[in-house]
């Protein structure tokens, strides 16, 4: 929490200055899922503050995108998704062997072997993040992820126990919860824009800001990898 407090003013300024309508998402590298690149290169970018912060936002959007895609895929396979199960059983911290096999199956179908390990960790962390948003749905939900975006290394090793503990502490921070409520729509606008460009799935599942209900929105086209360009 100390790191989040230290960076909170930076987050507020970043959100106030960045309009989803002003940025066009384009892949940083050609020939791979752009979301993988956003995860693996976020700490390598040496740019000005806002440009660097944008790479951190892209990493957050990638985490959410992959976790939501996996959640939708599990449901399409007729399973109770890992996300749905964790939302109702956040005190269960062990990883079920059968669920590991399901995740591995998803990775084999969707990603090349070179990226399976990093994507697996990304999805697992993304599920934890979405569980946190669900727990905090009355305190800003997705807006909490906006605050976390610029402090990735403070929470990247979280367990589900850490998620519930952080949620309790976050609720006591009135300035942060108020900001989270204001910025939740902002993040979901970014997520919709990001997924419409980069998600392989023809469905992108977005979380309602007000009541935590799930909304399934069909995207117009699947992923198309374009020529490499700048952010």
C-alpha atoms as a PDB file:
ATOM      1  CA  UNK A   1       0.000   0.000   0.000  1.00  0.00           C
ATOM      2  CA  UNK A   2       2.905   2.380   0.656  1.00  0.00           C
ATOM      3  CA  UNK A   3       3.995   2.272  -2.964  1.00  0.00           C
ATOM      4  CA  UNK A   4       0.436   2.914  -4.135  1.00  0.00           C
ATOM      5  CA  UNK A   5       0.166   5.930  -1.858  1.00  0.00           C
ATOM      6  CA  UNK A   6       3.504   7.224  -3.083  1.00  0.00           C
ATOM      7  CA  UNK A   7       2.405   6.997  -6.714  1.00  0.00           C
ATOM      8  CA  UNK A   8      -1.212   7.994  -6.250  1.00  0.00           C
ATOM      9  CA  UNK A   9      -0.766  11.613  -7.346  1.00  0.00           C
ATOM     10  CA  UNK A  10       1.061  10.414 -10.461  1.00  0.00           C
ATOM     11  CA  UNK A  11      -1.843   8.082 -11.247  1.00  0.00           C
ATOM     12  CA  UNK A  12      -4.371  10.872 -10.818  1.00  0.00           C
ATOM     13  CA  UNK A  13      -2.448  13.139 -13.167  1.00  0.00           C
ATOM     14  CA  UNK A  14      -1.920  10.354 -15.702  1.00  0.00           C
ATOM     15  CA  UNK A  15      -5.640   9.568 -15.851  1.00  0.00           C
ATOM     16  CA  UNK A  16      -6.603  13.232 -16.110  1.00  0.00           C
ATOM     17  CA  UNK A  17      -4.252  13.786 -19.058  1.00  0.00           C
ATOM     18  CA  UNK A  18      -4.924  10.609 -21.062  1.00  0.00           C
ATOM     19  CA  UNK A  19      -8.125  10.300 -23.076  1.00  0.00           C
ATOM     20  CA  UNK A  20      -8.847   6.882 -24.670  1.00  0.00           C
ATOM     21  CA  UNK A  21      -9.881   8.712 -27.822  1.00  0.00           C
ATOM     22  CA  UNK A  22      -6.417  10.234 -28.291  1.00  0.00           C
ATOM     23  CA  UNK A  23      -4.343   7.028 -28.462  1.00  0.00           C
ATOM     24  CA  UNK A  24      -4.327   4.394 -31.197  1.00  0.00           C
ATOM     25  CA  UNK A  25      -3.140   0.969 -30.077  1.00  0.00           C
ATOM     26  CA  UNK A  26      -0.747  -0.695 -32.465  1.00  0.00           C
ATOM     27  CA  UNK A  27       1.488  -3.756 -31.962  1.00  0.00           C
ATOM     28  CA  UNK A  28       5.029  -3.055 -30.822  1.00  0.00           C
ATOM     29  CA  UNK A  29       6.421  -6.083 -32.699  1.00  0.00           C
ATOM     30  CA  UNK A  30       5.313  -7.996 -35.771  1.00  0.00           C
ATOM     31  CA  UNK A  31       4.472 -11.676 -35.790  1.00  0.00           C
ATOM     32  CA  UNK A  32       3.378 -12.328 -32.208  1.00  0.00           C
ATOM     33  CA  UNK A  33       0.350 -11.667 -30.032  1.00  0.00           C
ATOM     34  CA  UNK A  34       0.778  -7.971 -29.132  1.00  0.00           C
ATOM     35  CA  UNK A  35      -0.458  -8.678 -25.625  1.00  0.00           C
ATOM     36  CA  UNK A  36       2.565 -10.901 -24.976  1.00  0.00           C
ATOM     37  CA  UNK A  37       4.833  -8.070 -26.074  1.00  0.00           C
ATOM     38  CA  UNK A  38       3.028  -5.649 -23.770  1.00  0.00           C
ATOM     39  CA  UNK A  39       3.710  -7.979 -20.850  1.00  0.00           C
ATOM     40  CA  UNK A  40       7.345  -8.776 -21.595  1.00  0.00           C
ATOM     41  CA  UNK A  41       8.612  -5.343 -22.630  1.00  0.00           C
ATOM     42  CA  UNK A  42       6.821  -3.048 -20.165  1.00  0.00           C
ATOM     43  CA  UNK A  43       9.893  -2.647 -17.950  1.00  0.00           C
ATOM     44  CA  UNK A  44      12.308  -2.196 -20.851  1.00  0.00           C
ATOM     45  CA  UNK A  45      10.872   1.042 -22.193  1.00  0.00           C
ATOM     46  CA  UNK A  46      13.044   4.059 -21.400  1.00  0.00           C
ATOM     47  CA  UNK A  47      10.847   6.991 -22.317  1.00  0.00           C
ATOM     48  CA  UNK A  48       9.311  10.079 -20.771  1.00  0.00           C
ATOM     49  CA  UNK A  49       6.983   9.695 -17.799  1.00  0.00           C
ATOM     50  CA  UNK A  50       3.676   9.583 -19.673  1.00  0.00           C
ATOM     51  CA  UNK A  51       5.044   7.320 -22.401  1.00  0.00           C
ATOM     52  CA  UNK A  52       6.420   4.931 -19.782  1.00  0.00           C
ATOM     53  CA  UNK A  53       3.150   5.051 -17.844  1.00  0.00           C
ATOM     54  CA  UNK A  54       1.301   4.164 -21.024  1.00  0.00           C
ATOM     55  CA  UNK A  55       3.362   0.979 -21.326  1.00  0.00           C
ATOM     56  CA  UNK A  56       2.318   0.136 -17.758  1.00  0.00           C
ATOM     57  CA  UNK A  57      -1.309   0.701 -18.699  1.00  0.00           C
ATOM     58  CA  UNK A  58      -0.877  -1.576 -21.712  1.00  0.00           C
ATOM     59  CA  UNK A  59       0.493  -4.286 -19.435  1.00  0.00           C
ATOM     60  CA  UNK A  60      -2.553  -3.945 -17.178  1.00  0.00           C
ATOM     61  CA  UNK A  61      -4.898  -4.151 -20.155  1.00  0.00           C
ATOM     62  CA  UNK A  62      -3.032  -7.220 -21.405  1.00  0.00           C
ATOM     63  CA  UNK A  63      -3.399  -8.946 -18.032  1.00  0.00           C
ATOM     64  CA  UNK A  64      -7.123  -8.278 -17.977  1.00  0.00           C
ATOM     65  CA  UNK A  65      -7.546  -9.171 -21.657  1.00  0.00           C
ATOM     66  CA  UNK A  66      -5.896 -12.587 -21.377  1.00  0.00           C
ATOM     67  CA  UNK A  67      -7.678 -13.458 -18.142  1.00  0.00           C
ATOM     68  CA  UNK A  68     -11.054 -12.469 -19.601  1.00  0.00           C
ATOM     69  CA  UNK A  69     -10.366 -14.418 -22.792  1.00  0.00           C
ATOM     70  CA  UNK A  70      -9.488 -17.494 -20.770  1.00  0.00           C
ATOM     71  CA  UNK A  71     -12.618 -17.026 -18.654  1.00  0.00           C
ATOM     72  CA  UNK A  72     -14.798 -16.835 -21.781  1.00  0.00           C
ATOM     73  CA  UNK A  73     -13.079 -19.906 -23.273  1.00  0.00           C
ATOM     74  CA  UNK A  74     -13.674 -21.988 -20.137  1.00  0.00           C
ATOM     75  CA  UNK A  75     -17.351 -21.071 -20.209  1.00  0.00           C
ATOM     76  CA  UNK A  76     -17.617 -21.915 -23.895  1.00  0.00           C
ATOM     77  CA  UNK A  77     -16.116 -25.316 -23.039  1.00  0.00           C
ATOM     78  CA  UNK A  78     -19.001 -25.856 -20.620  1.00  0.00           C
ATOM     79  CA  UNK A  79     -16.966 -25.438 -17.445  1.00  0.00           C
ATOM     80  CA  UNK A  80     -17.339 -23.304 -14.359  1.00  0.00           C
ATOM     81  CA  UNK A  81     -14.540 -20.875 -15.047  1.00  0.00           C
ATOM     82  CA  UNK A  82     -11.570 -20.412 -12.732  1.00  0.00           C
ATOM     83  CA  UNK A  83     -12.557 -16.769 -12.306  1.00  0.00           C
ATOM     84  CA  UNK A  84     -16.161 -17.592 -11.354  1.00  0.00           C
ATOM     85  CA  UNK A  85     -14.962 -20.201  -8.864  1.00  0.00           C
ATOM     86  CA  UNK A  86     -12.369 -17.920  -7.291  1.00  0.00           C
ATOM     87  CA  UNK A  87     -14.853 -15.076  -6.882  1.00  0.00           C
ATOM     88  CA  UNK A  88     -16.928 -17.317  -4.616  1.00  0.00           C
ATOM     89  CA  UNK A  89     -13.990 -19.138  -2.972  1.00  0.00           C
ATOM     90  CA  UNK A  90     -11.219 -16.582  -2.512  1.00  0.00           C
ATOM     91  CA  UNK A  91     -10.025 -18.357   0.634  1.00  0.00           C
ATOM     92  CA  UNK A  92      -9.060 -21.434  -1.421  1.00  0.00           C
ATOM     93  CA  UNK A  93      -5.423 -20.805  -2.333  1.00  0.00           C
ATOM     94  CA  UNK A  94      -4.366 -24.144  -3.796  1.00  0.00           C
ATOM     95  CA  UNK A  95      -4.316 -24.669  -7.548  1.00  0.00           C
ATOM     96  CA  UNK A  96      -6.433 -27.643  -8.569  1.00  0.00           C
ATOM     97  CA  UNK A  97      -4.511 -30.090 -10.786  1.00  0.00           C
ATOM     98  CA  UNK A  98      -7.460 -30.470 -13.146  1.00  0.00           C
ATOM     99  CA  UNK A  99      -7.627 -26.696 -13.596  1.00  0.00           C
ATOM    100  CA  UNK A 100      -3.917 -26.595 -14.385  1.00  0.00           C
ATOM    101  CA  UNK A 101      -4.550 -29.128 -17.155  1.00  0.00           C
ATOM    102  CA  UNK A 102      -7.413 -27.006 -18.489  1.00  0.00           C
ATOM    103  CA  UNK A 103      -5.191 -23.916 -18.548  1.00  0.00           C
ATOM    104  CA  UNK A 104      -2.431 -25.850 -20.311  1.00  0.00           C
ATOM    105  CA  UNK A 105      -4.943 -26.986 -22.925  1.00  0.00           C
ATOM    106  CA  UNK A 106      -5.962 -23.387 -23.550  1.00  0.00           C
ATOM    107  CA  UNK A 107      -2.336 -22.314 -23.891  1.00  0.00           C
ATOM    108  CA  UNK A 108      -1.573 -25.102 -26.372  1.00  0.00           C
ATOM    109  CA  UNK A 109      -4.514 -24.052 -28.549  1.00  0.00           C
ATOM    110  CA  UNK A 110      -3.934 -20.308 -28.471  1.00  0.00           C
ATOM    111  CA  UNK A 111      -0.204 -19.615 -28.082  1.00  0.00           C
ATOM    112  CA  UNK A 112       3.098 -20.878 -29.428  1.00  0.00           C
ATOM    113  CA  UNK A 113       5.257 -22.926 -27.001  1.00  0.00           C
ATOM    114  CA  UNK A 114       7.775 -20.082 -26.688  1.00  0.00           C
ATOM    115  CA  UNK A 115       5.195 -17.913 -24.943  1.00  0.00           C
ATOM    116  CA  UNK A 116       3.219 -20.481 -22.958  1.00  0.00           C
ATOM    117  CA  UNK A 117       5.096 -19.974 -19.682  1.00  0.00           C
ATOM    118  CA  UNK A 118       4.829 -16.175 -19.632  1.00  0.00           C
ATOM    119  CA  UNK A 119       1.195 -16.250 -20.770  1.00  0.00           C
ATOM    120  CA  UNK A 120       0.328 -18.816 -18.092  1.00  0.00           C
ATOM    121  CA  UNK A 121       1.682 -16.532 -15.375  1.00  0.00           C
ATOM    122  CA  UNK A 122      -0.094 -13.586 -16.970  1.00  0.00           C
ATOM    123  CA  UNK A 123      -3.470 -15.342 -16.937  1.00  0.00           C
ATOM    124  CA  UNK A 124      -3.056 -16.516 -13.358  1.00  0.00           C
ATOM    125  CA  UNK A 125      -2.183 -12.994 -12.215  1.00  0.00           C
ATOM    126  CA  UNK A 126      -4.964 -11.530 -14.346  1.00  0.00           C
ATOM    127  CA  UNK A 127      -7.512 -13.813 -12.658  1.00  0.00           C
ATOM    128  CA  UNK A 128      -6.328 -12.582  -9.251  1.00  0.00           C
ATOM    129  CA  UNK A 129      -6.731  -9.015 -10.461  1.00  0.00           C
ATOM    130  CA  UNK A 130     -10.289  -9.633 -11.676  1.00  0.00           C
ATOM    131  CA  UNK A 131     -11.178 -11.343  -8.406  1.00  0.00           C
ATOM    132  CA  UNK A 132      -9.979  -8.208  -6.613  1.00  0.00           C
ATOM    133  CA  UNK A 133     -12.157  -6.050  -8.865  1.00  0.00           C
ATOM    134  CA  UNK A 134     -15.147  -8.228  -8.043  1.00  0.00           C
ATOM    135  CA  UNK A 135     -14.512  -7.994  -4.293  1.00  0.00           C
ATOM    136  CA  UNK A 136     -14.220  -4.214  -4.628  1.00  0.00           C
ATOM    137  CA  UNK A 137     -17.165  -3.766  -6.994  1.00  0.00           C
ATOM    138  CA  UNK A 138     -18.776  -1.380  -4.490  1.00  0.00           C
ATOM    139  CA  UNK A 139     -15.492   0.520  -4.092  1.00  0.00           C
ATOM    140  CA  UNK A 140     -14.611   1.200  -7.706  1.00  0.00           C
ATOM    141  CA  UNK A 141     -13.921  -2.320  -9.000  1.00  0.00           C
ATOM    142  CA  UNK A 142     -11.943  -1.842 -12.234  1.00  0.00           C
ATOM    143  CA  UNK A 143     -10.872   1.591 -11.001  1.00  0.00           C
ATOM    144  CA  UNK A 144      -8.672  -0.123  -8.428  1.00  0.00           C
ATOM    145  CA  UNK A 145      -6.715  -1.654 -11.302  1.00  0.00           C
ATOM    146  CA  UNK A 146      -5.985   1.842 -12.606  1.00  0.00           C
ATOM    147  CA  UNK A 147      -4.184   2.593  -9.348  1.00  0.00           C
ATOM    148  CA  UNK A 148      -2.341  -0.729  -9.440  1.00  0.00           C
ATOM    149  CA  UNK A 149      -1.226  -0.285 -13.046  1.00  0.00           C
ATOM    150  CA  UNK A 150       1.727   1.960 -12.209  1.00  0.00           C
ATOM    151  CA  UNK A 151       2.893  -0.186  -9.271  1.00  0.00           C
ATOM    152  CA  UNK A 152       3.051  -3.601 -10.934  1.00  0.00           C
ATOM    153  CA  UNK A 153       6.021  -4.923  -8.943  1.00  0.00           C
ATOM    154  CA  UNK A 154       4.214  -4.263  -5.670  1.00  0.00           C
ATOM    155  CA  UNK A 155       1.549  -6.889  -6.418  1.00  0.00           C
ATOM    156  CA  UNK A 156       2.802  -9.176  -9.185  1.00  0.00           C
ATOM    157  CA  UNK A 157       3.448 -12.027  -6.725  1.00  0.00           C
ATOM    158  CA  UNK A 158       0.110 -11.807  -4.953  1.00  0.00           C
ATOM    159  CA  UNK A 159      -1.700 -14.924  -3.792  1.00  0.00           C
ATOM    160  CA  UNK A 160      -5.479 -15.019  -3.411  1.00  0.00           C
ATOM    161  CA  UNK A 161      -4.947 -14.470   0.317  1.00  0.00           C
ATOM    162  CA  UNK A 162      -3.032 -11.288  -0.490  1.00  0.00           C
ATOM    163  CA  UNK A 163      -5.915 -10.180  -2.720  1.00  0.00           C
ATOM    164  CA  UNK A 164      -8.470 -10.388   0.094  1.00  0.00           C
ATOM    165  CA  UNK A 165      -6.137  -8.692   2.565  1.00  0.00           C
ATOM    166  CA  UNK A 166      -5.434  -5.855   0.159  1.00  0.00           C
ATOM    167  CA  UNK A 167      -9.156  -5.398  -0.542  1.00  0.00           C
ATOM    168  CA  UNK A 168      -9.828  -4.872   3.163  1.00  0.00           C
ATOM    169  CA  UNK A 169      -7.043  -2.298   3.391  1.00  0.00           C
ATOM    170  CA  UNK A 170      -8.072  -0.558   0.176  1.00  0.00           C
ATOM    171  CA  UNK A 171     -11.618   0.032   1.420  1.00  0.00           C
ATOM    172  CA  UNK A 172     -10.196   2.104   4.276  1.00  0.00           C
ATOM    173  CA  UNK A 173      -8.494   4.524   1.854  1.00  0.00           C
ATOM    174  CA  UNK A 174     -11.277   6.994   1.093  1.00  0.00           C
ATOM    175  CA  UNK A 175      -9.347   9.068  -1.448  1.00  0.00           C
ATOM    176  CA  UNK A 176      -8.396   5.960  -3.407  1.00  0.00           C
ATOM    177  CA  UNK A 177     -11.861   4.431  -3.363  1.00  0.00           C
ATOM    178  CA  UNK A 178     -13.391   7.703  -4.551  1.00  0.00           C
ATOM    179  CA  UNK A 179     -10.841   7.899  -7.358  1.00  0.00           C
ATOM    180  CA  UNK A 180     -11.459   4.235  -8.255  1.00  0.00           C
ATOM    181  CA  UNK A 181     -15.183   4.905  -8.632  1.00  0.00           C
ATOM    182  CA  UNK A 182     -14.481   7.892 -10.895  1.00  0.00           C
ATOM    183  CA  UNK A 183     -11.926   6.087 -13.054  1.00  0.00           C
ATOM    184  CA  UNK A 184     -13.632   2.692 -13.467  1.00  0.00           C
ATOM    185  CA  UNK A 185     -15.401   3.755 -16.666  1.00  0.00           C
ATOM    186  CA  UNK A 186     -12.125   5.192 -17.926  1.00  0.00           C
ATOM    187  CA  UNK A 187     -10.405   1.809 -17.627  1.00  0.00           C
ATOM    188  CA  UNK A 188     -13.280  -0.074 -19.249  1.00  0.00           C
ATOM    189  CA  UNK A 189     -13.169   2.313 -22.211  1.00  0.00           C
ATOM    190  CA  UNK A 190      -9.480   1.539 -22.585  1.00  0.00           C
ATOM    191  CA  UNK A 191     -10.111  -2.193 -22.237  1.00  0.00           C
ATOM    192  CA  UNK A 192     -12.781  -2.203 -24.913  1.00  0.00           C
ATOM    193  CA  UNK A 193     -10.494  -0.312 -27.262  1.00  0.00           C
ATOM    194  CA  UNK A 194      -7.543  -2.585 -26.489  1.00  0.00           C
ATOM    195  CA  UNK A 195      -9.475  -5.830 -26.896  1.00  0.00           C
ATOM    196  CA  UNK A 196     -11.096  -4.728 -30.125  1.00  0.00           C
ATOM    197  CA  UNK A 197      -7.589  -4.411 -31.547  1.00  0.00           C
ATOM    198  CA  UNK A 198      -5.655  -7.234 -29.933  1.00  0.00           C
ATOM    199  CA  UNK A 199      -7.877  -9.959 -28.462  1.00  0.00           C
ATOM    200  CA  UNK A 200      -7.849 -13.218 -30.408  1.00  0.00           C
ATOM    201  CA  UNK A 201     -11.257 -14.134 -29.131  1.00  0.00           C
ATOM    202  CA  UNK A 202     -14.316 -12.781 -30.958  1.00  0.00           C
ATOM    203  CA  UNK A 203     -15.796 -12.122 -27.515  1.00  0.00           C
ATOM    204  CA  UNK A 204     -14.505  -9.652 -24.959  1.00  0.00           C
ATOM    205  CA  UNK A 205     -16.029  -9.917 -21.521  1.00  0.00           C
ATOM    206  CA  UNK A 206     -16.242  -6.612 -19.675  1.00  0.00           C
ATOM    207  CA  UNK A 207     -17.269  -6.079 -16.060  1.00  0.00           C
ATOM    208  CA  UNK A 208     -20.075  -3.665 -15.272  1.00  0.00           C
ATOM    209  CA  UNK A 209     -18.895  -0.798 -13.082  1.00  0.00           C
ATOM    210  CA  UNK A 210     -21.999  -0.475 -10.928  1.00  0.00           C
ATOM    211  CA  UNK A 211     -23.070  -3.973  -9.992  1.00  0.00           C
ATOM    212  CA  UNK A 212     -20.269  -6.343 -10.983  1.00  0.00           C
ATOM    213  CA  UNK A 213     -22.487  -8.136 -13.501  1.00  0.00           C
ATOM    214  CA  UNK A 214     -20.806  -9.684 -16.512  1.00  0.00           C
ATOM    215  CA  UNK A 215     -21.534  -8.264 -19.939  1.00  0.00           C
ATOM    216  CA  UNK A 216     -20.590 -10.170 -23.075  1.00  0.00           C
ATOM    217  CA  UNK A 217     -19.815  -7.895 -26.008  1.00  0.00           C
ATOM    218  CA  UNK A 218     -19.106  -9.275 -29.481  1.00  0.00           C
ATOM    219  CA  UNK A 219     -16.153  -7.757 -31.238  1.00  0.00           C
ATOM    220  CA  UNK A 220     -16.286  -7.092 -34.957  1.00  0.00           C
ATOM    221  CA  UNK A 221     -13.086  -8.891 -35.931  1.00  0.00           C
ATOM    222  CA  UNK A 222     -10.496 -11.288 -34.460  1.00  0.00           C
ATOM    223  CA  UNK A 223      -6.865 -10.265 -34.009  1.00  0.00           C
ATOM    224  CA  UNK A 224      -4.968  -8.890 -36.980  1.00  0.00           C
ATOM    225  CA  UNK A 225      -1.240  -8.358 -36.513  1.00  0.00           C
ATOM    226  CA  UNK A 226      -0.090  -5.297 -38.415  1.00  0.00           C
ATOM    227  CA  UNK A 227       3.293  -3.826 -39.211  1.00  0.00           C
ATOM    228  CA  UNK A 228       5.324  -2.686 -36.183  1.00  0.00           C
ATOM    229  CA  UNK A 229       4.867   0.953 -35.244  1.00  0.00           C
ATOM    230  CA  UNK A 230       5.259   3.297 -32.309  1.00  0.00           C
ATOM    231  CA  UNK A 231       2.762   3.664 -29.470  1.00  0.00           C
END
